[in-house]
Amino acid sequence: MHRICQRIDRINLRRRVSHRITTLRHFIRRMWARMSMCSKGKLGCYPALLPYSKVSSPPAAAPMVAANGEPTSPVVVCQEQQIDADLVPLKIGLLGDNEIGKTSFLVKYMGEEKEQSTNLEMKGIKYMDKTQMVRGARISYSIWQVEGGDGRSFEDNHIPTICQDSVAILFMFDLTSRCTLNSVVSWYQEARKWNQMAIPIIVGTKFDEFIQLPIDLQWTIASQARAYAKAFNATLFFSSATYNINVNKIFKFITAKLFDLPWTVERNLTVGEPIIDF
């Protein structure tokens, strides 16, 4: 465990450096793209959602700043390109062992819009898309899920496809199965080889079954999950797709982190309740 923590510390250091460089690149690319679009026509323009940037604690209202800390003008896009210009694509990866509830979790989040979403089946990978309005901007959540999760995903080279370009990665495990919790370490280490800047989130599924376990076993599993979350510098959520516990909150949390939006949910460390630790 000590060696794992040391390795994770080194990975986190590289991730912070990589994040700063990538954030600057994203800012320059977005500014150039928006300027190019507006140069095609001078119809009315409107403010767009701020470019995403990873922050440790999103404030209630944060002005847009460049990578060097200097304040910048609001990003604008032209109505001529309104159909696509206000669409903010966010790729999110789901990783975890087989039969831990990844598909049920995803279907619950899609809700009534599931039928309108894109569902592209590839060997070992499931992709679904959901678009929502956030402060006047359309956000497209493209969620990529590894299928199977029994070890073949590493061999079939699915991890790079899931992780590359993802703004957040959900490392999922079954709260009633400690072996799936132990597997989170391997999923995290493999994912960080391909993406060191995505927001890491650990998600425990099947909370409705978890609370049926003896309280001492609940405490043991919760303590181990919190230890992993601390080591990975990740946020921890206990969830239930059956009763829609914390499913939507996870994606709201991702959005708040990326766009510096207010986040009012408090930590909940009470064993026997759906834990939220960040």
Protein backbone atom coordinates (compact mmCIF):
# COMPACT_ATOMS: atom_id res chain seq x y z
CA MET A 1 0.00 0.00 0.00
CA HIS A 2 2.91 2.36 0.78
CA ARG A 3 4.46 1.73 -2.65
CA ILE A 4 1.11 2.30 -4.33
CA CYS A 5 0.67 5.64 -2.53
CA GLN A 6 4.20 6.74 -3.55
CA ARG A 7 3.48 5.87 -7.16
CA ILE A 8 0.16 7.68 -7.04
CA ASP A 9 1.87 10.78 -5.58
CA ARG A 10 4.25 10.83 -8.55
CA ILE A 11 1.36 10.39 -10.96
CA ASN A 12 -0.56 13.24 -9.30
CA LEU A 13 2.47 15.53 -9.62
CA ARG A 14 2.80 14.80 -13.33
CA ARG A 15 -0.96 15.26 -13.69
CA ARG A 16 -0.85 18.75 -12.16
CA VAL A 17 1.94 19.85 -14.52
CA SER A 18 0.19 18.31 -17.51
CA HIS A 19 -3.09 19.94 -16.49
CA ARG A 20 -1.60 23.45 -16.49
CA ILE A 21 -0.13 22.97 -19.96
CA THR A 22 -3.30 21.43 -21.36
CA THR A 23 -5.51 24.13 -19.84
CA LEU A 24 -3.48 26.80 -21.61
CA ARG A 25 -3.75 24.91 -24.89
CA HIS A 26 -7.52 24.53 -24.50
CA PHE A 27 -7.87 28.24 -23.79
CA ILE A 28 -5.89 29.27 -26.86
CA ARG A 29 -7.74 26.82 -29.12
CA ARG A 30 -11.17 27.92 -27.91
CA MET A 31 -10.35 31.60 -28.24
CA TRP A 32 -9.03 31.08 -31.78
CA ALA A 33 -12.08 28.99 -32.76
CA ARG A 34 -14.56 31.53 -31.40
CA MET A 35 -12.73 34.43 -33.06
CA SER A 36 -12.72 32.56 -36.37
CA MET A 37 -16.46 31.88 -36.16
CA CYS A 38 -17.32 35.47 -35.35
CA SER A 39 -15.19 36.73 -38.24
CA LYS A 40 -17.61 35.02 -40.66
CA GLY A 41 -20.48 37.31 -39.74
CA LYS A 42 -21.29 40.24 -37.47
CA LEU A 43 -24.75 39.16 -36.37
CA GLY A 44 -25.61 39.53 -32.71
CA CYS A 45 -23.33 37.66 -30.31
CA TYR A 46 -24.06 36.28 -26.87
CA PRO A 47 -21.95 35.11 -23.91
CA ALA A 48 -21.14 31.41 -23.85
CA LEU A 49 -20.39 29.11 -20.94
CA LEU A 50 -16.88 29.61 -19.63
CA PRO A 51 -14.16 27.25 -20.85
CA TYR A 52 -13.72 24.41 -18.41
CA SER A 53 -10.82 24.36 -15.98
CA LYS A 54 -10.25 22.00 -13.10
CA VAL A 55 -10.41 23.68 -9.68
CA SER A 56 -10.18 22.29 -6.18
CA SER A 57 -13.19 24.18 -4.83
CA PRO A 58 -15.53 26.03 -7.22
CA PRO A 59 -16.51 29.50 -5.93
CA ALA A 60 -20.02 30.89 -6.16
CA ALA A 61 -19.03 33.20 -8.99
CA ALA A 62 -15.67 33.14 -10.72
CA PRO A 63 -14.53 35.51 -13.48
CA MET A 64 -12.78 33.97 -16.43
CA VAL A 65 -9.01 34.21 -16.22
CA ALA A 66 -6.18 33.19 -18.46
CA ALA A 67 -3.55 30.64 -17.48
CA ASN A 68 -1.29 33.41 -16.16
CA GLY A 69 -3.95 34.70 -13.80
CA GLU A 70 -4.80 37.79 -15.89
CA PRO A 71 -8.55 38.56 -16.27
CA THR A 72 -9.91 38.21 -19.79
CA SER A 73 -12.99 39.36 -21.66
CA PRO A 74 -16.02 37.07 -21.85
CA VAL A 75 -15.94 34.57 -24.68
CA VAL A 76 -18.56 35.28 -27.34
CA VAL A 77 -19.92 33.31 -30.26
CA CYS A 78 -22.02 34.48 -33.18
CA GLN A 79 -25.68 33.61 -33.71
CA GLU A 80 -24.80 32.58 -37.24
CA GLN A 81 -23.09 29.56 -35.69
CA GLN A 82 -25.56 29.20 -32.82
CA ILE A 83 -26.60 25.65 -33.65
CA ASP A 84 -23.13 24.25 -32.99
CA ALA A 85 -21.23 27.09 -31.33
CA ASP A 86 -23.09 26.83 -28.02
CA LEU A 87 -22.66 23.05 -27.82
CA VAL A 88 -20.01 22.14 -25.25
CA PRO A 89 -18.93 18.50 -25.62
CA LEU A 90 -17.78 16.71 -22.47
CA LYS A 91 -16.44 13.17 -22.66
CA ILE A 92 -16.72 11.11 -19.48
CA GLY A 93 -15.30 7.62 -19.00
CA LEU A 94 -16.74 4.81 -16.87
CA LEU A 95 -14.36 2.07 -15.72
CA GLY A 96 -14.89 -0.88 -13.43
CA ASP A 97 -15.25 -4.65 -13.12
CA ASN A 98 -18.00 -6.71 -14.68
CA GLU A 99 -21.52 -6.81 -13.17
CA ILE A 100 -21.09 -3.93 -10.74
CA GLY A 101 -24.00 -1.88 -12.10
CA LYS A 102 -22.30 0.37 -14.67
CA THR A 103 -25.05 -0.09 -17.26
CA SER A 104 -27.87 0.39 -14.73
CA PHE A 105 -26.14 3.54 -13.49
CA LEU A 106 -25.84 4.89 -17.03
CA VAL A 107 -29.44 4.05 -17.97
CA LYS A 108 -30.72 5.74 -14.80
CA TYR A 109 -28.85 8.93 -15.67
CA MET A 110 -30.16 8.92 -19.24
CA GLY A 111 -33.73 8.75 -17.90
CA GLU A 112 -36.49 9.72 -20.29
CA GLU A 113 -33.96 11.04 -22.80
CA LYS A 114 -32.49 7.58 -23.19
CA GLU A 115 -34.44 6.90 -26.39
CA GLN A 116 -33.23 10.13 -27.98
CA SER A 117 -29.61 9.53 -27.03
CA THR A 118 -26.96 8.05 -29.28
CA ASN A 119 -26.10 4.46 -28.46
CA LEU A 120 -23.12 3.19 -30.41
CA GLU A 121 -22.07 -0.39 -29.71
CA MET A 122 -18.44 -1.32 -30.33
CA LYS A 123 -16.68 -4.44 -29.23
CA GLY A 124 -16.00 -3.96 -25.53
CA ILE A 125 -17.25 -0.35 -25.46
CA LYS A 126 -20.65 1.30 -25.04
CA TYR A 127 -21.16 4.97 -25.88
CA MET A 128 -24.19 7.11 -25.01
CA ASP A 129 -24.84 10.81 -25.36
CA LYS A 130 -27.12 13.18 -23.47
CA THR A 131 -27.52 16.92 -24.02
CA GLN A 132 -28.66 19.35 -21.32
CA MET A 133 -28.98 23.13 -21.04
CA VAL A 134 -26.73 24.77 -18.44
CA ARG A 135 -26.91 28.56 -18.09
CA GLY A 136 -27.92 29.07 -21.69
CA ALA A 137 -25.36 26.68 -23.16
CA ARG A 138 -25.98 23.17 -24.43
CA ILE A 139 -23.69 20.60 -22.83
CA SER A 140 -23.33 17.24 -24.53
CA TYR A 141 -22.28 14.55 -22.06
CA SER A 142 -20.65 11.79 -24.09
CA ILE A 143 -20.32 8.84 -21.73
CA TRP A 144 -18.01 5.99 -22.67
CA GLN A 145 -18.33 2.76 -20.74
CA VAL A 146 -16.00 -0.21 -20.80
CA GLU A 147 -17.94 -3.44 -21.25
CA GLY A 148 -17.05 -6.69 -19.51
CA GLY A 149 -14.35 -5.31 -17.23
CA ASP A 150 -12.93 -8.77 -16.57
CA GLY A 151 -9.38 -8.01 -17.64
CA ARG A 152 -9.91 -8.32 -21.37
CA SER A 153 -10.36 -4.55 -21.58
CA PHE A 154 -6.65 -4.09 -20.83
CA GLU A 155 -5.66 -6.69 -23.41
CA ASP A 156 -8.04 -5.35 -26.08
CA ASN A 157 -6.61 -1.85 -25.59
CA HIS A 158 -9.96 -0.28 -24.68
CA ILE A 159 -8.55 1.87 -21.88
CA PRO A 160 -6.97 4.46 -24.22
CA THR A 161 -10.24 4.83 -26.13
CA ILE A 162 -12.21 5.36 -22.93
CA CYS A 163 -9.73 7.68 -21.25
CA GLN A 164 -8.24 9.88 -23.95
CA ASP A 165 -9.90 13.31 -24.09
CA SER A 166 -12.14 12.51 -21.09
CA VAL A 167 -12.67 15.44 -18.74
CA ALA A 168 -13.67 13.08 -15.92
CA ILE A 169 -13.27 9.36 -15.25
CA LEU A 170 -15.58 7.40 -12.96
CA PHE A 171 -13.90 4.44 -11.26
CA MET A 172 -16.83 2.26 -10.23
CA PHE A 173 -17.14 -0.66 -7.82
CA ASP A 174 -19.86 -2.72 -6.17
CA LEU A 175 -20.31 -1.68 -2.54
CA THR A 176 -21.20 -5.26 -1.62
CA SER A 177 -18.04 -6.72 -3.20
CA ARG A 178 -14.66 -5.81 -1.73
CA CYS A 179 -12.78 -7.46 -4.61
CA THR A 180 -14.30 -4.92 -7.03
CA LEU A 181 -13.18 -2.15 -4.68
CA ASN A 182 -9.63 -3.55 -4.72
CA SER A 183 -9.74 -3.53 -8.52
CA VAL A 184 -10.21 0.25 -8.49
CA VAL A 185 -6.46 0.60 -7.89
CA SER A 186 -5.62 -1.24 -11.12
CA TRP A 187 -8.23 0.69 -13.12
CA TYR A 188 -6.86 3.99 -11.78
CA GLN A 189 -3.23 3.15 -12.51
CA GLU A 190 -4.03 2.02 -16.05
CA ALA A 191 -6.25 5.04 -16.77
CA ARG A 192 -3.59 7.51 -15.63
CA LYS A 193 -1.22 6.16 -18.28
CA TRP A 194 -3.50 7.71 -20.89
CA ASN A 195 -5.04 10.67 -19.12
CA GLN A 196 -3.46 12.45 -16.16
CA MET A 197 -5.71 15.52 -16.04
CA ALA A 198 -9.26 14.10 -15.98
CA ILE A 199 -11.22 14.60 -12.77
CA PRO A 200 -11.08 11.28 -10.85
CA ILE A 201 -14.30 10.14 -9.17
CA ILE A 202 -14.80 6.89 -7.27
CA VAL A 203 -18.39 5.62 -7.38
CA GLY A 204 -19.72 2.84 -5.19
CA THR A 205 -22.85 1.26 -6.69
CA LYS A 206 -25.74 -0.74 -5.19
CA PHE A 207 -26.01 1.32 -2.01
CA ASP A 208 -29.51 -0.11 -1.47
CA GLU A 209 -27.92 -3.57 -1.05
CA PHE A 210 -24.92 -2.23 0.85
CA ILE A 211 -27.04 -0.97 3.77
CA GLN A 212 -28.27 -4.54 4.32
CA LEU A 213 -24.73 -5.62 5.28
CA PRO A 214 -23.57 -5.77 8.93
CA ILE A 215 -22.63 -2.32 10.17
CA ASP A 216 -19.02 -3.32 10.91
CA LEU A 217 -18.59 -4.52 7.32
CA GLN A 218 -20.14 -1.28 6.05
CA TRP A 219 -17.63 0.67 8.11
CA THR A 220 -14.70 -1.39 6.77
CA ILE A 221 -15.71 -0.94 3.13
CA ALA A 222 -16.44 2.76 3.60
CA SER A 223 -13.06 3.34 5.29
CA GLN A 224 -11.20 1.55 2.51
CA ALA A 225 -13.07 3.48 -0.19
CA ARG A 226 -12.30 6.79 1.53
CA ALA A 227 -8.62 5.83 1.81
CA TYR A 228 -8.46 5.16 -1.93
CA ALA A 229 -10.24 8.42 -2.69
CA LYS A 230 -7.73 10.33 -0.57
CA ALA A 231 -4.77 8.56 -2.20
CA PHE A 232 -6.11 9.27 -5.70
CA ASN A 233 -7.13 12.85 -4.84
CA ALA A 234 -10.60 11.79 -5.99
CA THR A 235 -14.17 12.50 -4.93
CA LEU A 236 -16.14 9.58 -3.50
CA PHE A 237 -19.86 8.95 -4.03
CA PHE A 238 -22.02 6.07 -2.80
CA SER A 239 -24.89 5.59 -5.24
CA SER A 240 -27.88 3.46 -6.14
CA ALA A 241 -29.33 3.27 -9.64
CA THR A 242 -32.43 1.48 -8.31
CA TYR A 243 -33.40 4.41 -6.07
CA ASN A 244 -31.58 7.13 -8.03
CA ILE A 245 -29.28 7.99 -5.14
CA ASN A 246 -26.48 10.42 -6.06
CA VAL A 247 -26.61 9.49 -9.75
CA ASN A 248 -27.50 12.96 -11.04
CA LYS A 249 -25.40 14.64 -8.34
CA ILE A 250 -22.25 13.07 -9.77
CA PHE A 251 -22.72 14.71 -13.16
CA LYS A 252 -23.75 17.99 -11.58
CA PHE A 253 -20.55 17.85 -9.55
CA ILE A 254 -18.48 17.29 -12.71
CA THR A 255 -20.16 20.26 -14.41
CA ALA A 256 -19.62 22.47 -11.37
CA LYS A 257 -15.93 21.56 -11.19
CA LEU A 258 -15.34 22.19 -14.88
CA PHE A 259 -17.16 25.50 -15.18
CA ASP A 260 -16.66 27.00 -11.71
CA LEU A 261 -20.36 26.79 -10.92
CA PRO A 262 -21.72 26.89 -7.34
CA TRP A 263 -21.64 23.53 -5.55
CA THR A 264 -23.79 23.43 -2.42
CA VAL A 265 -23.78 19.72 -1.58
CA GLU A 266 -22.05 18.99 1.72
CA ARG A 267 -19.85 16.07 2.67
CA ASN A 268 -21.61 13.12 4.24
CA LEU A 269 -19.33 10.71 6.11
CA THR A 270 -22.00 8.95 8.15
CA VAL A 271 -21.76 5.16 7.78
CA GLY A 272 -25.16 3.77 6.79
CA GLU A 273 -25.91 6.81 4.64
CA PRO A 274 -24.86 7.52 1.02
CA ILE A 275 -21.37 8.90 1.55
CA ILE A 276 -20.09 11.94 -0.34
CA ASP A 277 -16.44 12.70 0.39
CA PHE A 278 -14.37 15.37 -1.35
